[in-house]
Structure formats: structure tokens, C-alpha cells
Protein backbone atom coordinates (compact mmCIF):
# COMPACT_ATOMS: atom_id res chain seq x y z
CA MET A 1 -10.74 -161.58 -17.76
CA LEU A 2 -7.09 -162.47 -18.47
CA ILE A 3 -6.36 -158.84 -19.38
CA ALA A 4 -8.05 -157.58 -16.21
CA LEU A 5 -6.02 -160.10 -14.20
CA ARG A 6 -2.82 -158.94 -15.92
CA ASP A 7 -3.59 -155.31 -15.18
CA TYR A 8 -4.39 -156.04 -11.54
CA LEU A 9 -1.27 -158.14 -10.97
CA SER A 10 0.89 -155.55 -12.71
CA SER A 11 -0.42 -152.83 -10.40
CA GLN A 12 -0.20 -154.93 -7.21
CA GLY A 13 3.10 -156.70 -7.84
CA ILE A 14 2.34 -159.66 -5.58
CA SER A 15 -0.98 -161.21 -4.57
CA SER A 16 -2.29 -164.33 -2.89
CA LEU A 17 -4.52 -166.86 -4.59
CA ALA A 18 -7.23 -166.12 -2.00
CA GLU A 19 -7.09 -162.38 -2.75
CA LEU A 20 -7.24 -162.93 -6.50
CA SER A 21 -10.10 -165.44 -6.28
CA GLN A 22 -12.11 -163.06 -4.14
CA ARG A 23 -11.30 -160.02 -6.28
CA PHE A 24 -12.38 -161.73 -9.51
CA ASN A 25 -15.18 -163.77 -7.92
CA VAL A 26 -13.94 -167.16 -9.15
CA SER A 27 -12.93 -170.39 -7.43
CA PRO A 28 -9.26 -170.92 -6.52
CA ASP A 29 -9.03 -173.70 -9.14
CA ALA A 30 -10.42 -171.43 -11.87
CA MET A 31 -7.97 -168.70 -10.84
CA ARG A 32 -5.05 -171.15 -10.98
CA GLY A 33 -6.01 -171.86 -14.58
CA MET A 34 -5.90 -168.16 -15.44
CA LEU A 35 -2.63 -167.68 -13.56
CA SER A 36 -1.06 -170.58 -15.44
CA HIS A 37 -1.62 -168.65 -18.70
CA TRP A 38 0.62 -165.83 -17.50
CA MET A 39 3.12 -168.25 -15.97
CA ARG A 40 3.52 -170.02 -19.34
CA LYS A 41 4.20 -166.64 -20.93
CA GLY A 42 6.95 -165.96 -18.37
CA ARG A 43 5.18 -162.95 -16.86
CA LEU A 44 4.20 -164.48 -13.50
CA VAL A 45 5.92 -166.68 -10.93
CA GLN A 46 4.62 -168.48 -7.89
CA GLU A 47 6.53 -167.37 -4.83
CA GLN A 48 7.65 -169.80 -2.17
CA SER A 49 5.88 -168.80 0.99
CA GLY A 50 5.19 -170.33 4.29
CA CYS A 51 3.89 -169.39 7.64
CA SER A 52 6.39 -169.66 10.45
CA LYS A 53 3.82 -169.34 13.23
CA GLY A 54 2.76 -172.99 13.14
CA CYS A 55 -0.85 -172.26 14.11
CA VAL A 56 -2.24 -173.89 10.91
CA SER A 57 -5.13 -171.40 10.86
CA CYS A 58 -4.25 -169.99 7.42
CA SER A 59 -5.85 -171.55 4.38
CA PRO A 60 -3.48 -172.81 1.67
CA GLU A 61 -4.96 -170.19 -0.71
CA GLN A 62 -3.73 -167.41 1.59
CA LEU A 63 -0.19 -168.77 1.47
CA GLU A 64 -0.10 -169.35 -2.31
CA MET A 65 1.50 -166.15 -3.59
CA TYR A 66 2.08 -164.94 -7.15
CA ARG A 67 4.46 -162.20 -8.30
CA TRP A 68 4.13 -160.29 -11.57
CA LEU A 69 7.35 -159.88 -13.53
CA GLU A 70 7.87 -156.66 -15.38
CA THR A 71 9.70 -156.80 -18.67
CA GLY A 72 13.41 -156.27 -18.43
CA ALA A 73 15.72 -157.52 -15.71
CA ASP A 74 13.00 -159.37 -13.79
CA ALA A 75 11.73 -161.31 -16.80
CA ILE A 76 12.54 -164.99 -17.07
CA PRO A 77 14.47 -165.70 -20.25
CA LEU A 78 12.98 -168.47 -22.34
CA CYS A 79 15.19 -170.70 -24.45
CA GLN A 80 14.17 -172.17 -27.77
CA LEU A 81 14.62 -175.92 -27.90
CA ASP A 82 15.71 -177.40 -31.22
């Protein structure tokens, strides 16, 4: 499922936790675990998002956004610690 998630995120660019959980039919917590795999590899980042409307009708999962990083300029460089 990690490869399917990678392919989907790569094609979409940015997706919410709610969208991903629904698409892959898993709980938000299970999806966070899968997303953390790609975040550790430096291929995915969690975007800062917030609703400015103040109506509090959005679930937190709808506001939790993730952006896929393509290789190259967008990639996060990782440093080796000695």
C-alpha cells in the first residue's frame, strides 16, 4: 500500500489526510503511519494550513495537508550526522 500511496501523492501533489484516508479506506491514524514513512525518506512534507473562516465546522483531518516532493530542487537535503 505504501507504493500505491506514493503513486497517488505523486500524481496529486497535495492531499488532505481526510482525502487519503477515504481513498485508501483506512483510519486517519493508520494513514499517518504510512505518511510518516515517506516523510522520514524526505519525499513528503506536512503543509501548514488553517481555516480563516472561524466556523469550526471542518474536521482536523480536512485541514491536515501533505505535499509530495519531487526529486530535484523541491527535495529536502538530508545531512549525515557523524
